[in-house]
Amino acid sequence: MAIFIMETRVSVESLRQPRSFEALERSVAGYLGKACPEVKWLGSYATLGPYDYLDIFEANDIEVAMRVSVLVRAYGHGEATIRPAVDWGQFKHLLRNLPELPPV
């Protein structure tokens, strides 16, 4: 399965109280669990800066990740950015298998 990182900014209209974050999270997570049961959530974090949340998940392919993005934006009333990611160990393996560059 591929790893994806999703940054989400929640719309101001969907948050009437600070506790609205928790209620929104429960409803979106419940909906995603039913709509995308094959997705495995690896971590969720509240963040400072332009995004409210950072989620890390595994999905079979980019099409499933796109479904997650669309559903979060539509059901969660937010803006979502998804990026593919590679585990650090897998990245090092990729680096070790690259050909040497010729001298400049």
PDB file of N, CA and C in Angstrom:
ATOM      1  N   MET A   1       0.847  -1.188   0.000  1.00  0.00           N
ATOM      2  CA  MET A   1       0.000   0.000   0.000  1.00  0.00           C
ATOM      3  C   MET A   1       0.888   1.246   0.000  1.00  0.00           C
ATOM      4  N   ALA A   2       0.386   2.290  -0.627  1.00  0.00           N
ATOM      5  CA  ALA A   2       1.112   3.554  -0.714  1.00  0.00           C
ATOM      6  C   ALA A   2       0.767   4.436   0.489  1.00  0.00           C
ATOM      7  N   ILE A   3       1.712   5.281   0.874  1.00  0.00           N
ATOM      8  CA  ILE A   3       1.515   6.209   1.987  1.00  0.00           C
ATOM      9  C   ILE A   3       1.182   7.586   1.419  1.00  0.00           C
ATOM     10  N   PHE A   4       0.223   8.246   2.056  1.00  0.00           N
ATOM     11  CA  PHE A   4      -0.173   9.594   1.653  1.00  0.00           C
ATOM     12  C   PHE A   4      -0.235  10.492   2.879  1.00  0.00           C
ATOM     13  N   ILE A   5       0.119  11.764   2.690  1.00  0.00           N
ATOM     14  CA  ILE A   5       0.023  12.778   3.733  1.00  0.00           C
ATOM     15  C   ILE A   5      -1.036  13.770   3.288  1.00  0.00           C
ATOM     16  N   MET A   6      -2.008  14.023   4.159  1.00  0.00           N
ATOM     17  CA  MET A   6      -3.091  14.948   3.821  1.00  0.00           C
ATOM     18  C   MET A   6      -3.076  16.110   4.809  1.00  0.00           C
ATOM     19  N   GLU A   7      -3.001  17.317   4.271  1.00  0.00           N
ATOM     20  CA  GLU A   7      -3.098  18.533   5.071  1.00  0.00           C
ATOM     21  C   GLU A   7      -4.491  19.105   4.847  1.00  0.00           C
ATOM     22  N   THR A   8      -5.187  19.404   5.931  1.00  0.00           N
ATOM     23  CA  THR A   8      -6.568  19.873   5.822  1.00  0.00           C
ATOM     24  C   THR A   8      -6.749  21.191   6.555  1.00  0.00           C
ATOM     25  N   ARG A   9      -7.428  22.095   5.891  1.00  0.00           N
ATOM     26  CA  ARG A   9      -7.847  23.362   6.504  1.00  0.00           C
ATOM     27  C   ARG A   9      -9.371  23.334   6.549  1.00  0.00           C
ATOM     28  N   VAL A  10      -9.927  23.480   7.728  1.00  0.00           N
ATOM     29  CA  VAL A  10     -11.375  23.436   7.915  1.00  0.00           C
ATOM     30  C   VAL A  10     -11.957  24.815   7.629  1.00  0.00           C
ATOM     31  N   SER A  11     -13.103  24.840   6.955  1.00  0.00           N
ATOM     32  CA  SER A  11     -13.722  26.133   6.653  1.00  0.00           C
ATOM     33  C   SER A  11     -14.246  26.776   7.934  1.00  0.00           C
ATOM     34  N   VAL A  12     -14.184  28.078   7.980  1.00  0.00           N
ATOM     35  CA  VAL A  12     -14.637  28.830   9.150  1.00  0.00           C
ATOM     36  C   VAL A  12     -16.131  28.608   9.393  1.00  0.00           C
ATOM     37  N   GLU A  13     -16.894  28.457   8.316  1.00  0.00           N
ATOM     38  CA  GLU A  13     -18.343  28.288   8.445  1.00  0.00           C
ATOM     39  C   GLU A  13     -18.727  27.004   9.183  1.00  0.00           C
ATOM     40  N   SER A  14     -17.876  25.987   9.121  1.00  0.00           N
ATOM     41  CA  SER A  14     -18.227  24.708   9.743  1.00  0.00           C
ATOM     42  C   SER A  14     -17.847  24.653  11.222  1.00  0.00           C
ATOM     43  N   LEU A  15     -17.185  25.691  11.726  1.00  0.00           N
ATOM     44  CA  LEU A  15     -16.760  25.706  13.130  1.00  0.00           C
ATOM     45  C   LEU A  15     -17.405  26.874  13.865  1.00  0.00           C
ATOM     46  N   ARG A  16     -18.385  26.557  14.673  1.00  0.00           N
ATOM     47  CA  ARG A  16     -19.061  27.613  15.430  1.00  0.00           C
ATOM     48  C   ARG A  16     -18.477  27.759  16.831  1.00  0.00           C
ATOM     49  N   GLN A  17     -17.894  26.687  17.348  1.00  0.00           N
ATOM     50  CA  GLN A  17     -17.297  26.654  18.679  1.00  0.00           C
ATOM     51  C   GLN A  17     -15.971  25.890  18.589  1.00  0.00           C
ATOM     52  N   PRO A  18     -15.026  26.135  19.512  1.00  0.00           N
ATOM     53  CA  PRO A  18     -13.777  25.364  19.491  1.00  0.00           C
ATOM     54  C   PRO A  18     -14.006  23.855  19.540  1.00  0.00           C
ATOM     55  N   ARG A  19     -14.999  23.411  20.260  1.00  0.00           N
ATOM     56  CA  ARG A  19     -15.282  21.974  20.349  1.00  0.00           C
ATOM     57  C   ARG A  19     -15.861  21.410  19.052  1.00  0.00           C
ATOM     58  N   SER A  20     -16.208  22.296  18.131  1.00  0.00           N
ATOM     59  CA  SER A  20     -16.723  21.837  16.841  1.00  0.00           C
ATOM     60  C   SER A  20     -15.684  21.003  16.089  1.00  0.00           C
ATOM     61  N   PHE A  21     -14.389  21.247  16.338  1.00  0.00           N
ATOM     62  CA  PHE A  21     -13.342  20.457  15.702  1.00  0.00           C
ATOM     63  C   PHE A  21     -13.528  18.969  16.008  1.00  0.00           C
ATOM     64  N   GLU A  22     -13.791  18.668  17.273  1.00  0.00           N
ATOM     65  CA  GLU A  22     -13.927  17.271  17.690  1.00  0.00           C
ATOM     66  C   GLU A  22     -15.164  16.623  17.074  1.00  0.00           C
ATOM     67  N   ALA A  23     -16.269  17.320  17.072  1.00  0.00           N
ATOM     68  CA  ALA A  23     -17.497  16.777  16.486  1.00  0.00           C
ATOM     69  C   ALA A  23     -17.328  16.563  14.987  1.00  0.00           C
ATOM     70  N   LEU A  24     -16.695  17.516  14.308  1.00  0.00           N
ATOM     71  CA  LEU A  24     -16.462  17.395  12.878  1.00  0.00           C
ATOM     72  C   LEU A  24     -15.538  16.213  12.586  1.00  0.00           C
ATOM     73  N   GLU A  25     -14.492  16.056  13.389  1.00  0.00           N
ATOM     74  CA  GLU A  25     -13.555  14.942  13.212  1.00  0.00           C
ATOM     75  C   GLU A  25     -14.264  13.600  13.349  1.00  0.00           C
ATOM     76  N   ARG A  26     -15.105  13.471  14.356  1.00  0.00           N
ATOM     77  CA  ARG A  26     -15.831  12.205  14.563  1.00  0.00           C
ATOM     78  C   ARG A  26     -16.736  11.890  13.381  1.00  0.00           C
ATOM     79  N   SER A  27     -17.459  12.884  12.907  1.00  0.00           N
ATOM     80  CA  SER A  27     -18.394  12.615  11.813  1.00  0.00           C
ATOM     81  C   SER A  27     -17.663  12.317  10.502  1.00  0.00           C
ATOM     82  N   VAL A  28     -16.583  13.049  10.201  1.00  0.00           N
ATOM     83  CA  VAL A  28     -15.836  12.803   8.972  1.00  0.00           C
ATOM     84  C   VAL A  28     -15.133  11.445   9.044  1.00  0.00           C
ATOM     85  N   ALA A  29     -14.519  11.126  10.181  1.00  0.00           N
ATOM     86  CA  ALA A  29     -13.828   9.839  10.337  1.00  0.00           C
ATOM     87  C   ALA A  29     -14.817   8.680  10.208  1.00  0.00           C
ATOM     88  N   GLY A  30     -15.987   8.821  10.792  1.00  0.00           N
ATOM     89  CA  GLY A  30     -17.002   7.776  10.668  1.00  0.00           C
ATOM     90  C   GLY A  30     -17.458   7.595   9.237  1.00  0.00           C
ATOM     91  N   TYR A  31     -17.661   8.693   8.537  1.00  0.00           N
ATOM     92  CA  TYR A  31     -18.084   8.626   7.143  1.00  0.00           C
ATOM     93  C   TYR A  31     -16.994   8.000   6.276  1.00  0.00           C
ATOM     94  N   LEU A  32     -15.739   8.422   6.474  1.00  0.00           N
ATOM     95  CA  LEU A  32     -14.636   7.867   5.687  1.00  0.00           C
ATOM     96  C   LEU A  32     -14.440   6.379   5.960  1.00  0.00           C
ATOM     97  N   GLY A  33     -14.646   5.964   7.206  1.00  0.00           N
ATOM     98  CA  GLY A  33     -14.520   4.550   7.546  1.00  0.00           C
ATOM     99  C   GLY A  33     -15.501   3.684   6.774  1.00  0.00           C
ATOM    100  N   LYS A  34     -16.685   4.212   6.530  1.00  0.00           N
ATOM    101  CA  LYS A  34     -17.690   3.471   5.766  1.00  0.00           C
ATOM    102  C   LYS A  34     -17.446   3.571   4.257  1.00  0.00           C
ATOM    103  N   ALA A  35     -17.070   4.755   3.791  1.00  0.00           N
ATOM    104  CA  ALA A  35     -16.903   4.986   2.355  1.00  0.00           C
ATOM    105  C   ALA A  35     -15.574   4.442   1.816  1.00  0.00           C
ATOM    106  N   CYS A  36     -14.556   4.385   2.670  1.00  0.00           N
ATOM    107  CA  CYS A  36     -13.220   3.939   2.240  1.00  0.00           C
ATOM    108  C   CYS A  36     -12.642   2.969   3.279  1.00  0.00           C
ATOM    109  N   PRO A  37     -13.268   1.807   3.458  1.00  0.00           N
ATOM    110  CA  PRO A  37     -12.817   0.893   4.512  1.00  0.00           C
ATOM    111  C   PRO A  37     -11.420   0.332   4.284  1.00  0.00           C
ATOM    112  N   GLU A  38     -10.923   0.397   3.052  1.00  0.00           N
ATOM    113  CA  GLU A  38      -9.599  -0.140   2.756  1.00  0.00           C
ATOM    114  C   GLU A  38      -8.470   0.793   3.184  1.00  0.00           C
ATOM    115  N   VAL A  39      -8.792   2.032   3.553  1.00  0.00           N
ATOM    116  CA  VAL A  39      -7.787   3.003   3.971  1.00  0.00           C
ATOM    117  C   VAL A  39      -7.377   2.711   5.412  1.00  0.00           C
ATOM    118  N   LYS A  40      -6.056   2.714   5.643  1.00  0.00           N
ATOM    119  CA  LYS A  40      -5.526   2.492   6.988  1.00  0.00           C
ATOM    120  C   LYS A  40      -4.928   3.811   7.479  1.00  0.00           C
ATOM    121  N   TRP A  41      -5.480   4.344   8.581  1.00  0.00           N
ATOM    122  CA  TRP A  41      -4.999   5.614   9.134  1.00  0.00           C
ATOM    123  C   TRP A  41      -3.796   5.337  10.010  1.00  0.00           C
ATOM    124  N   LEU A  42      -2.688   6.032   9.741  1.00  0.00           N
ATOM    125  CA  LEU A  42      -1.444   5.831  10.480  1.00  0.00           C
ATOM    126  C   LEU A  42      -1.228   6.875  11.562  1.00  0.00           C
ATOM    127  N   GLY A  43      -1.798   8.054  11.384  1.00  0.00           N
ATOM    128  CA  GLY A  43      -1.635   9.108  12.378  1.00  0.00           C
ATOM    129  C   GLY A  43      -2.415  10.345  11.999  1.00  0.00           C
ATOM    130  N   SER A  44      -2.831  11.090  13.023  1.00  0.00           N
ATOM    131  CA  SER A  44      -3.542  12.350  12.827  1.00  0.00           C
ATOM    132  C   SER A  44      -2.987  13.359  13.827  1.00  0.00           C
ATOM    133  N   TYR A  45      -2.740  14.570  13.338  1.00  0.00           N
ATOM    134  CA  TYR A  45      -2.121  15.596  14.166  1.00  0.00           C
ATOM    135  C   TYR A  45      -2.795  16.939  13.935  1.00  0.00           C
ATOM    136  N   ALA A  46      -2.985  17.692  15.004  1.00  0.00           N
ATOM    137  CA  ALA A  46      -3.412  19.089  14.886  1.00  0.00           C
ATOM    138  C   ALA A  46      -2.131  19.890  14.661  1.00  0.00           C
ATOM    139  N   THR A  47      -2.197  20.890  13.783  1.00  0.00           N
ATOM    140  CA  THR A  47      -0.993  21.649  13.449  1.00  0.00           C
ATOM    141  C   THR A  47      -1.230  23.147  13.547  1.00  0.00           C
ATOM    142  N   LEU A  48      -0.140  23.884  13.683  1.00  0.00           N
ATOM    143  CA  LEU A  48      -0.170  25.342  13.608  1.00  0.00           C
ATOM    144  C   LEU A  48       0.196  25.721  12.182  1.00  0.00           C
ATOM    145  N   GLY A  49      -0.229  26.876  11.760  1.00  0.00           N
ATOM    146  CA  GLY A  49       0.098  27.309  10.407  1.00  0.00           C
ATOM    147  C   GLY A  49      -1.134  27.316   9.532  1.00  0.00           C
ATOM    148  N   PRO A  50      -0.947  27.193   8.225  1.00  0.00           N
ATOM    149  CA  PRO A  50      -2.076  27.330   7.311  1.00  0.00           C
ATOM    150  C   PRO A  50      -3.060  26.159   7.348  1.00  0.00           C
ATOM    151  N   TYR A  51      -2.652  25.008   7.904  1.00  0.00           N
ATOM    152  CA  TYR A  51      -3.540  23.848   7.960  1.00  0.00           C
ATOM    153  C   TYR A  51      -3.899  23.525   9.399  1.00  0.00           C
ATOM    154  N   ASP A  52      -5.090  22.976   9.598  1.00  0.00           N
ATOM    155  CA  ASP A  52      -5.556  22.605  10.932  1.00  0.00           C
ATOM    156  C   ASP A  52      -5.140  21.187  11.319  1.00  0.00           C
ATOM    157  N   TYR A  53      -5.076  20.305  10.324  1.00  0.00           N
ATOM    158  CA  TYR A  53      -4.780  18.891  10.570  1.00  0.00           C
ATOM    159  C   TYR A  53      -3.732  18.377   9.598  1.00  0.00           C
ATOM    160  N   LEU A  54      -3.020  17.361  10.043  1.00  0.00           N
ATOM    161  CA  LEU A  54      -2.140  16.584   9.185  1.00  0.00           C
ATOM    162  C   LEU A  54      -2.481  15.123   9.447  1.00  0.00           C
ATOM    163  N   ASP A  55      -2.873  14.414   8.420  1.00  0.00           N
ATOM    164  CA  ASP A  55      -3.211  12.997   8.534  1.00  0.00           C
ATOM    165  C   ASP A  55      -2.272  12.192   7.653  1.00  0.00           C
ATOM    166  N   ILE A  56      -1.877  11.040   8.144  1.00  0.00           N
ATOM    167  CA  ILE A  56      -1.041  10.115   7.379  1.00  0.00           C
ATOM    168  C   ILE A  56      -1.832   8.827   7.247  1.00  0.00           C
ATOM    169  N   PHE A  57      -1.960   8.346   5.996  1.00  0.00           N
ATOM    170  CA  PHE A  57      -2.736   7.125   5.781  1.00  0.00           C
ATOM    171  C   PHE A  57      -2.147   6.295   4.657  1.00  0.00           C
ATOM    172  N   GLU A  58      -2.521   5.031   4.641  1.00  0.00           N
ATOM    173  CA  GLU A  58      -2.148   4.122   3.569  1.00  0.00           C
ATOM    174  C   GLU A  58      -3.372   3.850   2.721  1.00  0.00           C
ATOM    175  N   ALA A  59      -3.174   3.803   1.418  1.00  0.00           N
ATOM    176  CA  ALA A  59      -4.249   3.482   0.477  1.00  0.00           C
ATOM    177  C   ALA A  59      -3.669   2.611  -0.629  1.00  0.00           C
ATOM    178  N   ASN A  60      -4.539   1.858  -1.265  1.00  0.00           N
ATOM    179  CA  ASN A  60      -4.096   0.953  -2.329  1.00  0.00           C
ATOM    180  C   ASN A  60      -3.451   1.692  -3.489  1.00  0.00           C
ATOM    181  N   ASP A  61      -3.986   2.864  -3.812  1.00  0.00           N
ATOM    182  CA  ASP A  61      -3.466   3.594  -4.970  1.00  0.00           C
ATOM    183  C   ASP A  61      -3.930   5.044  -4.897  1.00  0.00           C
ATOM    184  N   ILE A  62      -3.532   5.813  -5.886  1.00  0.00           N
ATOM    185  CA  ILE A  62      -3.853   7.241  -5.903  1.00  0.00           C
ATOM    186  C   ILE A  62      -5.349   7.495  -6.062  1.00  0.00           C
ATOM    187  N   GLU A  63      -6.060   6.600  -6.730  1.00  0.00           N
ATOM    188  CA  GLU A  63      -7.503   6.785  -6.890  1.00  0.00           C
ATOM    189  C   GLU A  63      -8.221   6.738  -5.539  1.00  0.00           C
ATOM    190  N   VAL A  64      -7.802   5.839  -4.678  1.00  0.00           N
ATOM    191  CA  VAL A  64      -8.402   5.771  -3.341  1.00  0.00           C
ATOM    192  C   VAL A  64      -8.050   7.040  -2.561  1.00  0.00           C
ATOM    193  N   ALA A  65      -6.810   7.514  -2.674  1.00  0.00           N
ATOM    194  CA  ALA A  65      -6.414   8.758  -2.005  1.00  0.00           C
ATOM    195  C   ALA A  65      -7.230   9.936  -2.518  1.00  0.00           C
ATOM    196  N   MET A  66      -7.525   9.947  -3.808  1.00  0.00           N
ATOM    197  CA  MET A  66      -8.357  11.010  -4.374  1.00  0.00           C
ATOM    198  C   MET A  66      -9.766  10.963  -3.794  1.00  0.00           C
ATOM    199  N   ARG A  67     -10.314   9.753  -3.607  1.00  0.00           N
ATOM    200  CA  ARG A  67     -11.637   9.620  -2.986  1.00  0.00           C
ATOM    201  C   ARG A  67     -11.616  10.214  -1.586  1.00  0.00           C
ATOM    202  N   VAL A  68     -10.565   9.922  -0.822  1.00  0.00           N
ATOM    203  CA  VAL A  68     -10.442  10.481   0.531  1.00  0.00           C
ATOM    204  C   VAL A  68     -10.436  12.001   0.462  1.00  0.00           C
ATOM    205  N   SER A  69      -9.657  12.560  -0.439  1.00  0.00           N
ATOM    206  CA  SER A  69      -9.563  14.011  -0.570  1.00  0.00           C
ATOM    207  C   SER A  69     -10.910  14.639  -0.903  1.00  0.00           C
ATOM    208  N   VAL A  70     -11.601  14.077  -1.872  1.00  0.00           N
ATOM    209  CA  VAL A  70     -12.901  14.622  -2.286  1.00  0.00           C
ATOM    210  C   VAL A  70     -13.909  14.530  -1.146  1.00  0.00           C
ATOM    211  N   LEU A  71     -13.925  13.398  -0.450  1.00  0.00           N
ATOM    212  CA  LEU A  71     -14.881  13.230   0.646  1.00  0.00           C
ATOM    213  C   LEU A  71     -14.575  14.163   1.810  1.00  0.00           C
ATOM    214  N   VAL A  72     -13.316  14.365   2.119  1.00  0.00           N
ATOM    215  CA  VAL A  72     -12.951  15.302   3.197  1.00  0.00           C
ATOM    216  C   VAL A  72     -13.368  16.712   2.823  1.00  0.00           C
ATOM    217  N   ARG A  73     -13.128  17.080   1.589  1.00  0.00           N
ATOM    218  CA  ARG A  73     -13.502  18.440   1.160  1.00  0.00           C
ATOM    219  C   ARG A  73     -15.010  18.627   1.150  1.00  0.00           C
ATOM    220  N   ALA A  74     -15.749  17.633   0.668  1.00  0.00           N
ATOM    221  CA  ALA A  74     -17.202  17.765   0.550  1.00  0.00           C
ATOM    222  C   ALA A  74     -17.893  17.577   1.891  1.00  0.00           C
ATOM    223  N   TYR A  75     -17.578  16.493   2.582  1.00  0.00           N
ATOM    224  CA  TYR A  75     -18.282  16.179   3.830  1.00  0.00           C
ATOM    225  C   TYR A  75     -17.734  16.985   5.001  1.00  0.00           C
ATOM    226  N   GLY A  76     -16.423  17.202   5.003  1.00  0.00           N
ATOM    227  CA  GLY A  76     -15.802  17.919   6.109  1.00  0.00           C
ATOM    228  C   GLY A  76     -15.749  19.414   5.933  1.00  0.00           C
ATOM    229  N   HIS A  77     -16.260  19.911   4.809  1.00  0.00           N
ATOM    230  CA  HIS A  77     -16.282  21.351   4.544  1.00  0.00           C
ATOM    231  C   HIS A  77     -14.895  21.960   4.699  1.00  0.00           C
ATOM    232  N   GLY A  78     -13.912  21.315   4.105  1.00  0.00           N
ATOM    233  CA  GLY A  78     -12.546  21.793   4.243  1.00  0.00           C
ATOM    234  C   GLY A  78     -11.808  21.803   2.926  1.00  0.00           C
ATOM    235  N   GLU A  79     -10.568  22.181   3.017  1.00  0.00           N
ATOM    236  CA  GLU A  79      -9.656  22.196   1.880  1.00  0.00           C
ATOM    237  C   GLU A  79      -8.573  21.175   2.185  1.00  0.00           C
ATOM    238  N   ALA A  80      -8.356  20.226   1.301  1.00  0.00           N
ATOM    239  CA  ALA A  80      -7.393  19.152   1.558  1.00  0.00           C
ATOM    240  C   ALA A  80      -6.330  19.108   0.479  1.00  0.00           C
ATOM    241  N   THR A  81      -5.093  18.934   0.894  1.00  0.00           N
ATOM    242  CA  THR A  81      -3.971  18.728  -0.004  1.00  0.00           C
ATOM    243  C   THR A  81      -3.376  17.375   0.332  1.00  0.00           C
ATOM    244  N   ILE A  82      -3.214  16.526  -0.677  1.00  0.00           N
ATOM    245  CA  ILE A  82      -2.662  15.193  -0.442  1.00  0.00           C
ATOM    246  C   ILE A  82      -1.377  15.049  -1.237  1.00  0.00           C
ATOM    247  N   ARG A  83      -0.375  14.498  -0.557  1.00  0.00           N
ATOM    248  CA  ARG A  83       0.908  14.241  -1.193  1.00  0.00           C
ATOM    249  C   ARG A  83       1.302  12.785  -0.968  1.00  0.00           C
ATOM    250  N   PRO A  84       1.862  12.146  -1.993  1.00  0.00           N
ATOM    251  CA  PRO A  84       2.384  10.797  -1.770  1.00  0.00           C
ATOM    252  C   PRO A  84       3.674  10.890  -0.956  1.00  0.00           C
ATOM    253  N   ALA A  85       3.963   9.859  -0.189  1.00  0.00           N
ATOM    254  CA  ALA A  85       5.172   9.832   0.628  1.00  0.00           C
ATOM    255  C   ALA A  85       5.788   8.444   0.569  1.00  0.00           C
ATOM    256  N   VAL A  86       7.079   8.371   0.872  1.00  0.00           N
ATOM    257  CA  VAL A  86       7.801   7.109   0.905  1.00  0.00           C
ATOM    258  C   VAL A  86       8.463   6.991   2.267  1.00  0.00           C
ATOM    259  N   ASP A  87       8.364   5.819   2.867  1.00  0.00           N
ATOM    260  CA  ASP A  87       9.027   5.536   4.136  1.00  0.00           C
ATOM    261  C   ASP A  87      10.530   5.825   3.993  1.00  0.00           C
ATOM    262  N   TRP A  88      11.154   6.355   5.055  1.00  0.00           N
ATOM    263  CA  TRP A  88      12.555   6.759   4.991  1.00  0.00           C
ATOM    264  C   TRP A  88      13.461   5.584   4.617  1.00  0.00           C
ATOM    265  N   GLY A  89      13.214   4.407   5.173  1.00  0.00           N
ATOM    266  CA  GLY A  89      14.015   3.231   4.841  1.00  0.00           C
ATOM    267  C   GLY A  89      13.893   2.869   3.367  1.00  0.00           C
ATOM    268  N   GLN A  90      12.694   2.959   2.834  1.00  0.00           N
ATOM    269  CA  GLN A  90      12.462   2.684   1.415  1.00  0.00           C
ATOM    270  C   GLN A  90      13.164   3.731   0.546  1.00  0.00           C
ATOM    271  N   PHE A  91      13.167   4.986   1.000  1.00  0.00           N
ATOM    272  CA  PHE A  91      13.844   6.062   0.272  1.00  0.00           C
ATOM    273  C   PHE A  91      15.349   5.808   0.229  1.00  0.00           C
ATOM    274  N   LYS A  92      15.938   5.380   1.357  1.00  0.00           N
ATOM    275  CA  LYS A  92      17.376   5.086   1.386  1.00  0.00           C
ATOM    276  C   LYS A  92      17.706   3.929   0.441  1.00  0.00           C
ATOM    277  N   HIS A  93      16.829   2.934   0.395  1.00  0.00           N
ATOM    278  CA  HIS A  93      17.031   1.812  -0.525  1.00  0.00           C
ATOM    279  C   HIS A  93      17.016   2.312  -1.969  1.00  0.00           C
ATOM    280  N   LEU A  94      16.096   3.207  -2.273  1.00  0.00           N
ATOM    281  CA  LEU A  94      16.020   3.795  -3.611  1.00  0.00           C
ATOM    282  C   LEU A  94      17.316   4.531  -3.942  1.00  0.00           C
ATOM    283  N   LEU A  95      17.841   5.305  -2.975  1.00  0.00           N
ATOM    284  CA  LEU A  95      19.079   6.058  -3.197  1.00  0.00           C
ATOM    285  C   LEU A  95      20.257   5.134  -3.476  1.00  0.00           C
ATOM    286  N   ARG A  96      20.349   4.044  -2.717  1.00  0.00           N
ATOM    287  CA  ARG A  96      21.469   3.113  -2.876  1.00  0.00           C
ATOM    288  C   ARG A  96      21.467   2.427  -4.238  1.00  0.00           C
ATOM    289  N   ASN A  97      20.318   2.354  -4.868  1.00  0.00           N
ATOM    290  CA  ASN A  97      20.205   1.680  -6.156  1.00  0.00           C
ATOM    291  C   ASN A  97      20.264   2.628  -7.356  1.00  0.00           C
ATOM    292  N   LEU A  98      20.509   3.896  -7.104  1.00  0.00           N
ATOM    293  CA  LEU A  98      20.684   4.849  -8.207  1.00  0.00           C
ATOM    294  C   LEU A  98      22.090   4.725  -8.786  1.00  0.00           C
ATOM    295  N   PRO A  99      22.248   4.935 -10.071  1.00  0.00           N
ATOM    296  CA  PRO A  99      23.597   4.889 -10.655  1.00  0.00           C
ATOM    297  C   PRO A  99      24.416   6.102 -10.199  1.00  0.00           C
ATOM    298  N   GLU A 100      25.710   5.929 -10.180  1.00  0.00           N
ATOM    299  CA  GLU A 100      26.611   7.038  -9.842  1.00  0.00           C
ATOM    300  C   GLU A 100      26.530   8.100 -10.939  1.00  0.00           C
ATOM    301  N   LEU A 101      26.582   9.350 -10.542  1.00  0.00           N
ATOM    302  CA  LEU A 101      26.573  10.445 -11.520  1.00  0.00           C
ATOM    303  C   LEU A 101      27.988  10.651 -12.051  1.00  0.00           C
ATOM    304  N   PRO A 102      28.111  11.009 -13.331  1.00  0.00           N
ATOM    305  CA  PRO A 102      29.455  11.288 -13.858  1.00  0.00           C
ATOM    306  C   PRO A 102      29.999  12.578 -13.239  1.00  0.00           C
ATOM    307  N   PRO A 103      31.314  12.704 -13.145  1.00  0.00           N
ATOM    308  CA  PRO A 103      31.892  13.948 -12.592  1.00  0.00           C
ATOM    309  C   PRO A 103      31.519  15.151 -13.451  1.00  0.00           C
ATOM    310  N   VAL A 104      31.413  16.280 -12.815  1.00  0.00           N
ATOM    311  CA  VAL A 104      31.060  17.513 -13.521  1.00  0.00           C
ATOM    312  C   VAL A 104      32.291  18.178 -14.066  1.00  0.00           C
TER     313      VAL A 104
END
